[in-house]
C-alpha atoms as a PDB file:
ATOM      1  CA  UNK A   1      98.410  58.857  62.237  1.00  0.00           C
ATOM      2  CA  UNK A   2      95.582  60.822  60.308  1.00  0.00           C
ATOM      3  CA  UNK A   3      96.856  63.162  57.976  1.00  0.00           C
ATOM      4  CA  UNK A   4      96.156  66.441  57.058  1.00  0.00           C
ATOM      5  CA  UNK A   5      96.500  68.180  53.650  1.00  0.00           C
ATOM      6  CA  UNK A   6      97.258  71.816  53.306  1.00  0.00           C
ATOM      7  CA  UNK A   7      97.729  74.362  50.429  1.00  0.00           C
ATOM      8  CA  UNK A   8      99.900  77.401  50.704  1.00  0.00           C
ATOM      9  CA  UNK A   9     100.938  80.103  49.083  1.00  0.00           C
ATOM     10  CA  UNK A  10     104.446  79.826  47.103  1.00  0.00           C
ATOM     11  CA  UNK A  11     106.075  82.489  50.036  1.00  0.00           C
ATOM     12  CA  UNK A  12     104.914  80.248  52.623  1.00  0.00           C
ATOM     13  CA  UNK A  13     105.982  77.113  51.223  1.00  0.00           C
ATOM     14  CA  UNK A  14     109.440  78.524  50.933  1.00  0.00           C
ATOM     15  CA  UNK A  15     109.659  79.733  54.367  1.00  0.00           C
ATOM     16  CA  UNK A  16     108.421  76.140  55.281  1.00  0.00           C
ATOM     17  CA  UNK A  17     110.995  74.053  52.937  1.00  0.00           C
ATOM     18  CA  UNK A  18     113.835  77.072  54.497  1.00  0.00           C
ATOM     19  CA  UNK A  19     113.079  76.223  57.980  1.00  0.00           C
ATOM     20  CA  UNK A  20     113.403  72.331  56.724  1.00  0.00           C
ATOM     21  CA  UNK A  21     116.854  73.067  55.468  1.00  0.00           C
ATOM     22  CA  UNK A  22     118.225  74.714  58.414  1.00  0.00           C
ATOM     23  CA  UNK A  23     118.253  71.404  59.646  1.00  0.00           C
ATOM     24  CA  UNK A  24     116.014  71.844  62.701  1.00  0.00           C
ATOM     25  CA  UNK A  25     113.112  69.898  61.148  1.00  0.00           C
ATOM     26  CA  UNK A  26     113.213  66.646  59.587  1.00  0.00           C
ATOM     27  CA  UNK A  27     109.860  67.694  57.138  1.00  0.00           C
ATOM     28  CA  UNK A  28     107.389  70.130  56.219  1.00  0.00           C
ATOM     29  CA  UNK A  29     105.068  68.009  58.632  1.00  0.00           C
ATOM     30  CA  UNK A  30     107.490  68.465  61.698  1.00  0.00           C
ATOM     31  CA  UNK A  31     107.928  71.750  61.270  1.00  0.00           C
ATOM     32  CA  UNK A  32     103.764  72.357  61.605  1.00  0.00           C
ATOM     33  CA  UNK A  33     103.295  69.512  64.038  1.00  0.00           C
ATOM     34  CA  UNK A  34     105.944  72.245  66.127  1.00  0.00           C
ATOM     35  CA  UNK A  35     103.995  74.969  65.191  1.00  0.00           C
ATOM     36  CA  UNK A  36     100.882  73.529  66.151  1.00  0.00           C
ATOM     37  CA  UNK A  37     102.005  72.126  69.826  1.00  0.00           C
ATOM     38  CA  UNK A  38     103.627  75.714  70.359  1.00  0.00           C
ATOM     39  CA  UNK A  39     100.136  77.588  69.518  1.00  0.00           C
ATOM     40  CA  UNK A  40      98.443  75.086  71.726  1.00  0.00           C
ATOM     41  CA  UNK A  41     100.987  75.550  74.517  1.00  0.00           C
ATOM     42  CA  UNK A  42     100.486  79.400  73.801  1.00  0.00           C
ATOM     43  CA  UNK A  43      96.499  79.203  73.996  1.00  0.00           C
ATOM     44  CA  UNK A  44      97.032  77.664  77.536  1.00  0.00           C
ATOM     45  CA  UNK A  45      99.033  80.270  78.856  1.00  0.00           C
ATOM     46  CA  UNK A  46      96.722  82.830  77.711  1.00  0.00           C
ATOM     47  CA  UNK A  47      93.680  81.020  78.820  1.00  0.00           C
ATOM     48  CA  UNK A  48      95.583  80.761  82.374  1.00  0.00           C
ATOM     49  CA  UNK A  49      96.378  84.533  82.324  1.00  0.00           C
ATOM     50  CA  UNK A  50      93.022  85.456  81.278  1.00  0.00           C
ATOM     51  CA  UNK A  51      91.831  83.483  84.226  1.00  0.00           C
ATOM     52  CA  UNK A  52      93.989  85.395  86.391  1.00  0.00           C
ATOM     53  CA  UNK A  53      92.815  88.815  85.224  1.00  0.00           C
ATOM     54  CA  UNK A  54      89.037  87.546  85.453  1.00  0.00           C
ATOM     55  CA  UNK A  55      90.214  86.509  89.215  1.00  0.00           C
ATOM     56  CA  UNK A  56      91.277  90.257  89.982  1.00  0.00           C
ATOM     57  CA  UNK A  57      89.000  92.043  88.224  1.00  0.00           C
ATOM     58  CA  UNK A  58      86.543  90.480  90.377  1.00  0.00           C
ATOM     59  CA  UNK A  59      88.336  90.925  93.401  1.00  0.00           C
ATOM     60  CA  UNK A  60      87.379  94.287  93.200  1.00  0.00           C
ATOM     61  CA  UNK A  61      89.168  98.021  93.512  1.00  0.00           C
ATOM     62  CA  UNK A  62      91.520  98.394  96.936  1.00  0.00           C
ATOM     63  CA  UNK A  63      89.938 101.592  98.765  1.00  0.00           C
ATOM     64  CA  UNK A  64      93.462 102.349  99.644  1.00  0.00           C
ATOM     65  CA  UNK A  65      95.657 104.955  97.800  1.00  0.00           C
ATOM     66  CA  UNK A  66      98.755 104.247  96.057  1.00  0.00           C
ATOM     67  CA  UNK A  67     100.812 105.803  98.514  1.00  0.00           C
ATOM     68  CA  UNK A  68      99.419 103.753 101.520  1.00  0.00           C
ATOM     69  CA  UNK A  69     100.020 100.464  99.365  1.00  0.00           C
ATOM     70  CA  UNK A  70     103.365 101.440  98.470  1.00  0.00           C
ATOM     71  CA  UNK A  71     104.417 102.417 102.097  1.00  0.00           C
ATOM     72  CA  UNK A  72     103.055  98.930 103.553  1.00  0.00           C
ATOM     73  CA  UNK A  73     104.843  97.274 100.541  1.00  0.00           C
ATOM     74  CA  UNK A  74     108.107  99.167 101.500  1.00  0.00           C
ATOM     75  CA  UNK A  75     107.689  98.303 105.031  1.00  0.00           C
ATOM     76  CA  UNK A  76     107.258  94.984 104.464  1.00  0.00           C
ATOM     77  CA  UNK A  77     110.656  94.551 102.680  1.00  0.00           C
ATOM     78  CA  UNK A  78     112.654  96.926 105.077  1.00  0.00           C
ATOM     79  CA  UNK A  79     111.911  94.752 107.801  1.00  0.00           C
ATOM     80  CA  UNK A  80     113.947  91.991 105.825  1.00  0.00           C
ATOM     81  CA  UNK A  81     116.851  93.958 106.446  1.00  0.00           C
END
């Protein structure tokens, strides 16, 4: 496995060591890999959300008044009884 060497300030190194000491991670490397995996997942989630926002933005503005939209939604769910 390729290696990556990091230099950390004392406070961050202490933080990492404390997380390992808690027993959830077997080593500092294990902890850093977990952080990177989570950041990778988060980046994917943010990209998906941004895509949805872009789709919504490109769809334009609904010409109806908010009260009209609300009445339609209320009627739809009132029919479900």
